[in-house]
PDB file of N, CA and C in Angstrom:
ATOM      1  N   MET A   1     114.518  79.824 132.068  1.00  0.00           N
ATOM      2  CA  MET A   1     113.806  79.398 130.995  1.00  0.00           C
ATOM      3  C   MET A   1     113.724  77.769 131.260  1.00  0.00           C
ATOM      4  N   SER A   2     112.493  77.097 130.999  1.00  0.00           N
ATOM      5  CA  SER A   2     112.069  75.982 131.451  1.00  0.00           C
ATOM      6  C   SER A   2     112.931  74.895 130.531  1.00  0.00           C
ATOM      7  N   LEU A   3     112.977  73.827 131.001  1.00  0.00           N
ATOM      8  CA  LEU A   3     113.387  72.793 129.988  1.00  0.00           C
ATOM      9  C   LEU A   3     112.606  72.374 128.783  1.00  0.00           C
ATOM     10  N   PHE A   4     111.209  72.674 128.979  1.00  0.00           N
ATOM     11  CA  PHE A   4     110.334  72.308 127.843  1.00  0.00           C
ATOM     12  C   PHE A   4     110.343  73.588 126.795  1.00  0.00           C
ATOM     13  N   ALA A   5     110.771  74.764 127.227  1.00  0.00           N
ATOM     14  CA  ALA A   5     110.841  75.660 126.115  1.00  0.00           C
ATOM     15  C   ALA A   5     112.003  75.280 125.652  1.00  0.00           C
ATOM     16  N   THR A   6     113.199  75.001 126.178  1.00  0.00           N
ATOM     17  CA  THR A   6     114.727  74.766 125.482  1.00  0.00           C
ATOM     18  C   THR A   6     114.418  73.882 124.355  1.00  0.00           C
ATOM     19  N   VAL A   7     113.775  72.666 124.846  1.00  0.00           N
ATOM     20  CA  VAL A   7     113.680  71.676 123.569  1.00  0.00           C
ATOM     21  C   VAL A   7     112.637  71.932 122.656  1.00  0.00           C
ATOM     22  N   LEU A   8     111.566  72.704 122.956  1.00  0.00           N
ATOM     23  CA  LEU A   8     110.863  73.324 122.116  1.00  0.00           C
ATOM     24  C   LEU A   8     111.548  74.258 121.014  1.00  0.00           C
ATOM     25  N   ALA A   9     112.227  75.055 121.564  1.00  0.00           N
ATOM     26  CA  ALA A   9     113.242  76.073 120.620  1.00  0.00           C
ATOM     27  C   ALA A   9     114.265  75.353 119.874  1.00  0.00           C
ATOM     28  N   ALA A  10     114.924  74.358 120.272  1.00  0.00           N
ATOM     29  CA  ALA A  10     115.757  73.614 119.542  1.00  0.00           C
ATOM     30  C   ALA A  10     115.163  72.667 118.652  1.00  0.00           C
ATOM     31  N   THR A  11     113.971  72.275 118.752  1.00  0.00           N
ATOM     32  CA  THR A  11     113.274  71.299 117.579  1.00  0.00           C
ATOM     33  C   THR A  11     112.402  72.089 116.578  1.00  0.00           C
ATOM     34  N   GLU A  12     112.123  73.406 116.659  1.00  0.00           N
ATOM     35  CA  GLU A  12     111.629  74.040 115.865  1.00  0.00           C
ATOM     36  C   GLU A  12     112.401  74.487 114.685  1.00  0.00           C
ATOM     37  N   ALA A  13     111.821  74.159 113.469  1.00  0.00           N
ATOM     38  CA  ALA A  13     112.709  74.664 112.111  1.00  0.00           C
ATOM     39  C   ALA A  13     111.753  75.657 111.473  1.00  0.00           C
ATOM     40  N   PRO A  14     112.452  76.680 111.028  1.00  0.00           N
ATOM     41  CA  PRO A  14     111.741  77.842 110.270  1.00  0.00           C
ATOM     42  C   PRO A  14     111.109  77.131 109.048  1.00  0.00           C
ATOM     43  N   ALA A  15     109.846  77.784 108.747  1.00  0.00           N
ATOM     44  CA  ALA A  15     109.099  77.291 107.701  1.00  0.00           C
ATOM     45  C   ALA A  15     109.811  77.844 106.561  1.00  0.00           C
ATOM     46  N   PRO A  16     109.622  77.199 105.332  1.00  0.00           N
ATOM     47  CA  PRO A  16     110.063  77.439 104.086  1.00  0.00           C
ATOM     48  C   PRO A  16     109.440  78.383 103.389  1.00  0.00           C
ATOM     49  N   LEU A  17     110.291  79.464 102.744  1.00  0.00           N
ATOM     50  CA  LEU A  17     109.677  80.299 101.997  1.00  0.00           C
ATOM     51  C   LEU A  17     109.109  79.723 100.447  1.00  0.00           C
ATOM     52  N   ILE A  18     108.321  80.445  99.613  1.00  0.00           N
ATOM     53  CA  ILE A  18     108.161  79.943  98.505  1.00  0.00           C
ATOM     54  C   ILE A  18     108.822  80.651  97.245  1.00  0.00           C
ATOM     55  N   ALA A  19     109.729  81.704  97.751  1.00  0.00           N
ATOM     56  CA  ALA A  19     110.567  82.356  97.064  1.00  0.00           C
ATOM     57  C   ALA A  19     111.483  83.149  98.257  1.00  0.00           C
ATOM     58  N   PRO A  20     112.561  83.363  97.400  1.00  0.00           N
ATOM     59  CA  PRO A  20     113.721  84.239  98.304  1.00  0.00           C
ATOM     60  C   PRO A  20     112.894  85.598  98.658  1.00  0.00           C
ATOM     61  N   PRO A  21     113.398  86.188  99.978  1.00  0.00           N
ATOM     62  CA  PRO A  21     112.666  87.104 100.525  1.00  0.00           C
ATOM     63  C   PRO A  21     112.847  88.421  99.614  1.00  0.00           C
ATOM     64  N   LEU A  22     113.767  88.756  98.829  1.00  0.00           N
ATOM     65  CA  LEU A  22     113.698  89.759  98.028  1.00  0.00           C
ATOM     66  C   LEU A  22     112.495  89.758  96.947  1.00  0.00           C
ATOM     67  N   VAL A  23     112.433  88.524  96.209  1.00  0.00           N
ATOM     68  CA  VAL A  23     111.183  88.275  95.244  1.00  0.00           C
ATOM     69  C   VAL A  23     109.979  88.849  96.163  1.00  0.00           C
ATOM     70  N   ILE A  24     109.639  88.119  97.260  1.00  0.00           N
ATOM     71  CA  ILE A  24     108.628  88.662  97.795  1.00  0.00           C
ATOM     72  C   ILE A  24     108.361  89.956  98.176  1.00  0.00           C
ATOM     73  N   ALA A  25     109.431  90.899  98.601  1.00  0.00           N
ATOM     74  CA  ALA A  25     109.551  92.041  98.750  1.00  0.00           C
ATOM     75  C   ALA A  25     109.275  92.841  97.557  1.00  0.00           C
ATOM     76  N   GLY A  26     109.646  92.405  96.307  1.00  0.00           N
ATOM     77  CA  GLY A  26     109.376  92.870  95.202  1.00  0.00           C
ATOM     78  C   GLY A  26     108.187  92.545  94.517  1.00  0.00           C
ATOM     79  N   VAL A  27     107.339  91.639  94.990  1.00  0.00           N
ATOM     80  CA  VAL A  27     105.864  91.487  94.648  1.00  0.00           C
ATOM     81  C   VAL A  27     105.088  92.276  95.410  1.00  0.00           C
ATOM     82  N   ALA A  28     105.585  92.338  96.744  1.00  0.00           N
ATOM     83  CA  ALA A  28     104.552  93.185  97.815  1.00  0.00           C
ATOM     84  C   ALA A  28     104.804  94.859  97.049  1.00  0.00           C
ATOM     85  N   LEU A  29     105.889  95.299  96.878  1.00  0.00           N
ATOM     86  CA  LEU A  29     106.153  96.630  96.199  1.00  0.00           C
ATOM     87  C   LEU A  29     105.321  96.898  95.052  1.00  0.00           C
ATOM     88  N   ALA A  30     105.082  95.708  94.098  1.00  0.00           N
ATOM     89  CA  ALA A  30     104.703  95.677  93.032  1.00  0.00           C
ATOM     90  C   ALA A  30     102.901  95.995  93.331  1.00  0.00           C
ATOM     91  N   VAL A  31     102.461  95.226  93.961  1.00  0.00           N
ATOM     92  CA  VAL A  31     100.910  95.209  94.570  1.00  0.00           C
ATOM     93  C   VAL A  31     100.600  96.777  95.039  1.00  0.00           C
ATOM     94  N   PHE A  32     101.707  97.350  95.897  1.00  0.00           N
ATOM     95  CA  PHE A  32     101.506  98.797  96.535  1.00  0.00           C
ATOM     96  C   PHE A  32     101.553  99.874  95.373  1.00  0.00           C
ATOM     97  N   ILE A  33     102.173  99.351  94.528  1.00  0.00           N
ATOM     98  CA  ILE A  33     102.182 100.501  93.246  1.00  0.00           C
ATOM     99  C   ILE A  33     101.082 100.371  92.342  1.00  0.00           C
ATOM    100  N   VAL A  34     100.628  99.182  92.223  1.00  0.00           N
ATOM    101  CA  VAL A  34      99.095  99.183  91.511  1.00  0.00           C
ATOM    102  C   VAL A  34      98.314  99.709  92.374  1.00  0.00           C
ATOM    103  N   LEU A  35      97.970  99.344  93.457  1.00  0.00           N
ATOM    104  CA  LEU A  35      97.015 100.137  94.510  1.00  0.00           C
ATOM    105  C   LEU A  35      97.162 101.509  94.318  1.00  0.00           C
ATOM    106  N   ALA A  36      98.384 102.166  94.274  1.00  0.00           N
ATOM    107  CA  ALA A  36      98.614 103.470  94.177  1.00  0.00           C
ATOM    108  C   ALA A  36      98.094 104.249  92.956  1.00  0.00           C
ATOM    109  N   ILE A  37      98.421 103.520  91.851  1.00  0.00           N
ATOM    110  CA  ILE A  37      97.703 103.955  90.819  1.00  0.00           C
ATOM    111  C   ILE A  37      96.452 103.903  90.665  1.00  0.00           C
ATOM    112  N   VAL A  38      95.669 102.959  91.019  1.00  0.00           N
ATOM    113  CA  VAL A  38      94.295 102.914  91.089  1.00  0.00           C
ATOM    114  C   VAL A  38      93.790 103.764  91.839  1.00  0.00           C
ATOM    115  N   THR A  39      94.436 104.163  93.085  1.00  0.00           N
ATOM    116  CA  THR A  39      93.867 105.336  93.954  1.00  0.00           C
ATOM    117  C   THR A  39      94.048 106.597  93.393  1.00  0.00           C
ATOM    118  N   TRP A  40      95.193 106.761  92.670  1.00  0.00           N
ATOM    119  CA  TRP A  40      95.560 108.226  91.939  1.00  0.00           C
ATOM    120  C   TRP A  40      94.396 108.419  90.641  1.00  0.00           C
ATOM    121  N   SER A  41      94.221 107.300  90.168  1.00  0.00           N
ATOM    122  CA  SER A  41      93.227 107.439  89.127  1.00  0.00           C
ATOM    123  C   SER A  41      91.847 107.959  89.227  1.00  0.00           C
ATOM    124  N   PHE A  42      91.377 107.767  90.657  1.00  0.00           N
ATOM    125  CA  PHE A  42      90.315 108.293  90.981  1.00  0.00           C
ATOM    126  C   PHE A  42      90.322 109.214  91.865  1.00  0.00           C
ATOM    127  N   ARG A  43      91.293 110.259  91.771  1.00  0.00           N
ATOM    128  CA  ARG A  43      91.675 111.224  92.611  1.00  0.00           C
ATOM    129  C   ARG A  43      90.569 112.576  92.828  1.00  0.00           C
ATOM    130  N   ASP A  44      89.984 112.429  91.312  1.00  0.00           N
ATOM    131  CA  ASP A  44      89.313 113.779  90.885  1.00  0.00           C
ATOM    132  C   ASP A  44      87.947 113.491  90.788  1.00  0.00           C
ATOM    133  N   VAL A  45      87.332 112.182  91.156  1.00  0.00           N
ATOM    134  CA  VAL A  45      85.949 111.859  90.572  1.00  0.00           C
ATOM    135  C   VAL A  45      84.910 112.680  91.177  1.00  0.00           C
ATOM    136  N   ALA A  46      84.994 113.078  92.422  1.00  0.00           N
ATOM    137  CA  ALA A  46      83.837 113.898  93.296  1.00  0.00           C
ATOM    138  C   ALA A  46      83.802 115.091  92.411  1.00  0.00           C
ATOM    139  N   ASN A  47      84.638 115.731  92.199  1.00  0.00           N
ATOM    140  CA  ASN A  47      84.758 117.132  91.571  1.00  0.00           C
ATOM    141  C   ASN A  47      84.136 117.016  90.397  1.00  0.00           C
ATOM    142  N   ARG A  48      84.409 116.055  89.420  1.00  0.00           N
ATOM    143  CA  ARG A  48      83.850 115.789  88.198  1.00  0.00           C
ATOM    144  C   ARG A  48      82.307 115.770  88.000  1.00  0.00           C
ATOM    145  N   HIS A  49      81.720 115.632  88.920  1.00  0.00           N
ATOM    146  CA  HIS A  49      80.226 115.260  89.127  1.00  0.00           C
ATOM    147  C   HIS A  49      79.636 116.295  89.919  1.00  0.00           C
ATOM    148  N   SER A  50      80.237 117.573  90.489  1.00  0.00           N
ATOM    149  CA  SER A  50      79.780 118.253  91.375  1.00  0.00           C
ATOM    150  C   SER A  50      78.513 119.144  90.740  1.00  0.00           C
ATOM    151  N   GLN A  51      78.504 119.304  89.635  1.00  0.00           N
ATOM    152  CA  GLN A  51      77.428 119.969  88.821  1.00  0.00           C
ATOM    153  C   GLN A  51      76.196 119.311  88.896  1.00  0.00           C
ATOM    154  N   LYS A  52      76.288 118.038  88.618  1.00  0.00           N
ATOM    155  CA  LYS A  52      74.932 117.130  88.684  1.00  0.00           C
ATOM    156  C   LYS A  52      74.679 116.829  90.126  1.00  0.00           C
ATOM    157  N   THR A  53      75.592 116.764  91.170  1.00  0.00           N
ATOM    158  CA  THR A  53      75.437 116.726  92.565  1.00  0.00           C
ATOM    159  C   THR A  53      74.245 117.924  92.953  1.00  0.00           C
ATOM    160  N   ALA A  54      74.803 119.099  92.600  1.00  0.00           N
ATOM    161  CA  ALA A  54      74.221 120.252  92.865  1.00  0.00           C
ATOM    162  C   ALA A  54      72.847 120.576  92.231  1.00  0.00           C
ATOM    163  N   LYS A  55      72.502 120.117  91.103  1.00  0.00           N
ATOM    164  CA  LYS A  55      71.356 120.039  90.310  1.00  0.00           C
ATOM    165  C   LYS A  55      70.450 118.888  90.880  1.00  0.00           C
ATOM    166  N   GLY A  56      70.890 117.993  91.467  1.00  0.00           N
ATOM    167  CA  GLY A  56      70.067 116.793  91.832  1.00  0.00           C
ATOM    168  C   GLY A  56      69.636 117.242  93.165  1.00  0.00           C
ATOM    169  N   ASP A  57      70.262 117.948  93.917  1.00  0.00           N
ATOM    170  CA  ASP A  57      69.710 118.538  95.408  1.00  0.00           C
ATOM    171  C   ASP A  57      68.612 119.293  95.277  1.00  0.00           C
ATOM    172  N   HIS A  58      68.473 120.222  94.277  1.00  0.00           N
ATOM    173  CA  HIS A  58      67.428 121.206  94.224  1.00  0.00           C
ATOM    174  C   HIS A  58      66.191 120.454  93.784  1.00  0.00           C
ATOM    175  N   ASP A  59      66.430 119.166  92.710  1.00  0.00           N
ATOM    176  CA  ASP A  59      65.197 118.552  92.408  1.00  0.00           C
ATOM    177  C   ASP A  59      64.758 117.703  93.356  1.00  0.00           C
ATOM    178  N   SER A  60      65.616 117.155  94.157  1.00  0.00           N
ATOM    179  CA  SER A  60      65.040 116.358  95.077  1.00  0.00           C
ATOM    180  C   SER A  60      64.154 117.003  96.518  1.00  0.00           C
ATOM    181  N   HIS A  61      64.579 118.265  96.454  1.00  0.00           N
ATOM    182  CA  HIS A  61      64.079 118.712  97.840  1.00  0.00           C
ATOM    183  C   HIS A  61      62.875 119.888  97.178  1.00  0.00           C
ATOM    184  N   GLY A  62      62.504 120.061  95.893  1.00  0.00           N
ATOM    185  CA  GLY A  62      61.752 120.807  95.362  1.00  0.00           C
ATOM    186  C   GLY A  62      60.061 120.211  95.617  1.00  0.00           C
ATOM    187  N   ALA A  63      59.994 118.998  95.902  1.00  0.00           N
ATOM    188  CA  ALA A  63      58.546 118.381  96.129  1.00  0.00           C
ATOM    189  C   ALA A  63      58.104 118.762  97.523  1.00  0.00           C
ATOM    190  N   GLY A  64      58.899 119.096  98.414  1.00  0.00           N
ATOM    191  CA  GLY A  64      58.322 119.476  99.769  1.00  0.00           C
ATOM    192  C   GLY A  64      58.007 121.010  99.856  1.00  0.00           C
ATOM    193  N   HIS A  65      58.606 121.530  99.077  1.00  0.00           N
ATOM    194  CA  HIS A  65      58.379 123.237  99.076  1.00  0.00           C
ATOM    195  C   HIS A  65      57.699 123.811  98.390  1.00  0.00           C
TER     196      HIS A  65
END
């Protein structure tokens, strides 16, 4: 290891955190839980409108036939 790397490693201080690590982990976990709830709430949207899509396909192709 060079002298420059040794001096740089000795003088480099860790950056201060805005909160304790457990609080940061808790906030990240809460964000992921909220995103999972949003994803879960849209789990069946495509199936709810399958009849409208099938009906719309026949109407849109009817002009050319």
